[in-house]
Amino acid sequence: MKLEVRNISVGSLVTSSVPIVVFCLAILGGVITFMVVPNMQMVSMTFMQKILSVGLYALLYVVIFTAVLVFAAFVYNVLTGVLGLRGVTFDIEEIHHD
């Protein structure tokens, strides 16, 4: 069975679990960036300043990543819906268990 994705709901990208997953990954990246990897510019920062830096980094990362996803979905919808180009096609094989 072949399925073709013709439209991506922008609202489903924003309200789904995708931003939460990106937030968790951004927190991990922020901890590595601000706490694990030694950096001479961050030696004078207190622990609370590093926690604040991780939080702000994660929030900004989620906002930027979600904006890029929304823009990509908008461009995909324009190309497939308005211009009539083919969408992404999945070939799914059904397996019957006896």
C-alpha atoms as a PDB file:
ATOM      1  CA  MET A   1       0.000   0.000   0.000  1.00  0.00           C
ATOM      2  CA  LYS A   2       1.349   3.400  -0.963  1.00  0.00           C
ATOM      3  CA  LEU A   3       0.636   6.485   1.122  1.00  0.00           C
ATOM      4  CA  GLU A   4       1.442  10.011   0.020  1.00  0.00           C
ATOM      5  CA  VAL A   5       1.687  12.954   2.406  1.00  0.00           C
ATOM      6  CA  ARG A   6       0.070  15.920   0.683  1.00  0.00           C
ATOM      7  CA  ASN A   7      -0.348  18.326   3.598  1.00  0.00           C
ATOM      8  CA  ILE A   8       1.371  18.832   6.956  1.00  0.00           C
ATOM      9  CA  SER A   9      -0.697  20.493   9.654  1.00  0.00           C
ATOM     10  CA  VAL A  10       1.322  23.352  11.134  1.00  0.00           C
ATOM     11  CA  GLY A  11      -0.726  23.235  14.331  1.00  0.00           C
ATOM     12  CA  SER A  12       0.129  19.589  14.860  1.00  0.00           C
ATOM     13  CA  LEU A  13       3.845  20.411  14.724  1.00  0.00           C
ATOM     14  CA  VAL A  14       3.537  23.074  17.411  1.00  0.00           C
ATOM     15  CA  THR A  15       1.165  21.197  19.747  1.00  0.00           C
ATOM     16  CA  SER A  16       2.707  17.736  19.396  1.00  0.00           C
ATOM     17  CA  SER A  17       5.482  16.200  21.457  1.00  0.00           C
ATOM     18  CA  VAL A  18       8.160  17.425  19.020  1.00  0.00           C
ATOM     19  CA  PRO A  19       8.919  20.680  20.925  1.00  0.00           C
ATOM     20  CA  ILE A  20       9.155  18.743  24.210  1.00  0.00           C
ATOM     21  CA  VAL A  21      11.625  16.275  22.709  1.00  0.00           C
ATOM     22  CA  VAL A  22      13.661  19.158  21.283  1.00  0.00           C
ATOM     23  CA  PHE A  23      13.545  20.867  24.699  1.00  0.00           C
ATOM     24  CA  CYS A  24      14.952  17.748  26.408  1.00  0.00           C
ATOM     25  CA  LEU A  25      17.731  17.499  23.837  1.00  0.00           C
ATOM     26  CA  ALA A  26      18.437  21.229  24.180  1.00  0.00           C
ATOM     27  CA  ILE A  27      18.745  20.894  27.956  1.00  0.00           C
ATOM     28  CA  LEU A  28      21.226  18.074  27.457  1.00  0.00           C
ATOM     29  CA  GLY A  29      23.163  20.196  24.958  1.00  0.00           C
ATOM     30  CA  GLY A  30      23.057  23.188  27.289  1.00  0.00           C
ATOM     31  CA  VAL A  31      24.392  21.156  30.208  1.00  0.00           C
ATOM     32  CA  ILE A  32      27.225  19.883  28.052  1.00  0.00           C
ATOM     33  CA  THR A  33      27.943  23.359  26.685  1.00  0.00           C
ATOM     34  CA  PHE A  34      27.793  25.332  29.927  1.00  0.00           C
ATOM     35  CA  MET A  35      28.775  22.808  32.607  1.00  0.00           C
ATOM     36  CA  VAL A  36      30.791  19.900  31.228  1.00  0.00           C
ATOM     37  CA  VAL A  37      33.064  21.359  28.567  1.00  0.00           C
ATOM     38  CA  PRO A  38      35.668  23.653  30.149  1.00  0.00           C
ATOM     39  CA  ASN A  39      35.464  27.194  28.828  1.00  0.00           C
ATOM     40  CA  MET A  40      37.587  30.070  30.121  1.00  0.00           C
ATOM     41  CA  GLN A  41      34.749  32.571  29.622  1.00  0.00           C
ATOM     42  CA  MET A  42      32.435  30.645  31.976  1.00  0.00           C
ATOM     43  CA  VAL A  43      34.830  30.082  34.868  1.00  0.00           C
ATOM     44  CA  SER A  44      33.563  33.142  36.741  1.00  0.00           C
ATOM     45  CA  MET A  45      29.885  32.085  36.439  1.00  0.00           C
ATOM     46  CA  THR A  46      28.164  30.800  39.569  1.00  0.00           C
ATOM     47  CA  PHE A  47      26.154  27.579  39.549  1.00  0.00           C
ATOM     48  CA  MET A  48      22.838  29.465  39.366  1.00  0.00           C
ATOM     49  CA  GLN A  49      24.077  31.524  36.418  1.00  0.00           C
ATOM     50  CA  LYS A  50      24.988  28.309  34.617  1.00  0.00           C
ATOM     51  CA  ILE A  51      21.517  26.858  35.341  1.00  0.00           C
ATOM     52  CA  LEU A  52      19.940  30.067  34.009  1.00  0.00           C
ATOM     53  CA  SER A  53      22.144  29.858  30.909  1.00  0.00           C
ATOM     54  CA  VAL A  54      21.069  26.251  30.288  1.00  0.00           C
ATOM     55  CA  GLY A  55      17.391  27.190  30.634  1.00  0.00           C
ATOM     56  CA  LEU A  56      17.581  30.201  28.341  1.00  0.00           C
ATOM     57  CA  TYR A  57      19.624  28.228  25.812  1.00  0.00           C
ATOM     58  CA  ALA A  58      17.010  25.446  25.794  1.00  0.00           C
ATOM     59  CA  LEU A  59      14.076  27.854  25.421  1.00  0.00           C
ATOM     60  CA  LEU A  60      15.719  29.791  22.596  1.00  0.00           C
ATOM     61  CA  TYR A  61      16.708  26.543  20.853  1.00  0.00           C
ATOM     62  CA  VAL A  62      13.118  25.248  20.997  1.00  0.00           C
ATOM     63  CA  VAL A  63      11.689  28.502  19.647  1.00  0.00           C
ATOM     64  CA  ILE A  64      14.150  28.630  16.752  1.00  0.00           C
ATOM     65  CA  PHE A  65      13.786  24.920  15.921  1.00  0.00           C
ATOM     66  CA  THR A  66       9.978  25.096  16.010  1.00  0.00           C
ATOM     67  CA  ALA A  67      10.014  28.181  13.780  1.00  0.00           C
ATOM     68  CA  VAL A  68      12.208  26.350  11.261  1.00  0.00           C
ATOM     69  CA  LEU A  69       9.858  23.335  11.334  1.00  0.00           C
ATOM     70  CA  VAL A  70       6.803  25.546  10.797  1.00  0.00           C
ATOM     71  CA  PHE A  71       8.520  27.317   7.891  1.00  0.00           C
ATOM     72  CA  ALA A  72       9.541  23.974   6.340  1.00  0.00           C
ATOM     73  CA  ALA A  73       5.978  22.651   6.675  1.00  0.00           C
ATOM     74  CA  PHE A  74       4.626  25.839   5.083  1.00  0.00           C
ATOM     75  CA  VAL A  75       7.009  25.533   2.125  1.00  0.00           C
ATOM     76  CA  TYR A  76       6.149  21.816   1.772  1.00  0.00           C
ATOM     77  CA  ASN A  77       2.408  22.611   1.778  1.00  0.00           C
ATOM     78  CA  VAL A  78       2.883  25.320  -0.857  1.00  0.00           C
ATOM     79  CA  LEU A  79       4.947  23.045  -3.102  1.00  0.00           C
ATOM     80  CA  THR A  80       2.581  20.073  -2.860  1.00  0.00           C
ATOM     81  CA  GLY A  81      -0.772  21.849  -2.594  1.00  0.00           C
ATOM     82  CA  VAL A  82      -0.458  25.003  -4.663  1.00  0.00           C
ATOM     83  CA  LEU A  83       2.141  24.017  -7.245  1.00  0.00           C
ATOM     84  CA  GLY A  84       0.972  20.400  -7.469  1.00  0.00           C
ATOM     85  CA  LEU A  85       4.312  18.699  -6.954  1.00  0.00           C
ATOM     86  CA  ARG A  86       4.383  15.155  -5.613  1.00  0.00           C
ATOM     87  CA  GLY A  87       4.556  14.679  -1.878  1.00  0.00           C
ATOM     88  CA  VAL A  88       6.556  12.171   0.134  1.00  0.00           C
ATOM     89  CA  THR A  89       5.423   8.632  -0.676  1.00  0.00           C
ATOM     90  CA  PHE A  90       5.642   5.719   1.742  1.00  0.00           C
ATOM     91  CA  ASP A  91       5.406   2.147   0.507  1.00  0.00           C
ATOM     92  CA  ILE A  92       3.939   0.152   3.388  1.00  0.00           C
ATOM     93  CA  GLU A  93       3.763  -3.617   3.269  1.00  0.00           C
ATOM     94  CA  GLU A  94       1.133  -5.362   5.339  1.00  0.00           C
ATOM     95  CA  ILE A  95       2.331  -8.465   7.165  1.00  0.00           C
ATOM     96  CA  HIS A  96      -0.245 -11.008   8.250  1.00  0.00           C
ATOM     97  CA  HIS A  97       0.642 -13.167  11.248  1.00  0.00           C
ATOM     98  CA  ASP A  98      -0.916 -16.609  11.408  1.00  0.00           C
END
